[in-house]
Amino acid sequence: EPRFFLVSLAVTRRTGSDWVDAFYRGMLRLARRAGAPLVGGDLACGEKLVCDIVVCGAVPRGTALRRDGARAGDAIYVSGRLGGSALGLSGGPGAAKRRHLRPEPRLALGTFLRERLGATAAMDLSDGLSLDLLRLCQASRLSAAITAPPRFPGASPEQALHGGEDYELLFTVPPRVRVPAEFEGLSLTRLGVMQKGRAGTVLLDGKRLPPLGYDHFRS
């Protein structure tokens, strides 16, 4: 549950006040929807435009969904359709562009996974399914076998597998849990299963899936 957030913004001398006002209006609009007030931060002038945002939330003790809780045999699911943000970044029009510029935080779904489905592990897809699923597998010391994920209309298979910034939720549940086909109009698709094996290995239709998502520290 979001509680509050802080913003530090450095603008250049060429940055107009109209831009700053519009920036905060858009940010506060989303914050109101999430119920998270802006409680502080910093505003400065610098050589480049720089912004960092810290969001703080709360969860009942011992119930946080982490990457390291998956167990062998757990089913792997993903929300929504993947590749839309990558498509929008590459010049895709309309819905794809909006998907890239205005991602939707899946807050209600996260609560549903924790309180109703008993999810064992979860994370958002910020760096691409191929890389983020590897990270979940490494944290849980397991491997995974999946099929191709559902694609955003117009997205390529590569964009769905490796494109980042979709911010959909990747999660695992015990094998006997019945997961609905959708949650509040958002599709929930089974991708595969967590398995014993070399930690971090991900198989797509039986073949090793290379982690070609966005690695911030790759040289």
Foldseek 3Di string as FASTA:
>chain_A
DWAAKEKAWEAEPPDDPVVVVVVVVVVVVVCVVVVYYYDYYYYYYDPHIDMDMDIDDDDPPPQDAALAFDDFQWWKKWKAAFLLLVCLVVPNDDPSVCLNVPADAPVVVNVCCRPPQVWRHKDWFAFFQLQVVLVSQQNNQWEWEFEQTHHDVPGDSCSRGANGDNRIMMTTGHNPGDDDQADPPMGMDTTGTIHHDGRSFYHYVRHTDDRNTDDPPDD
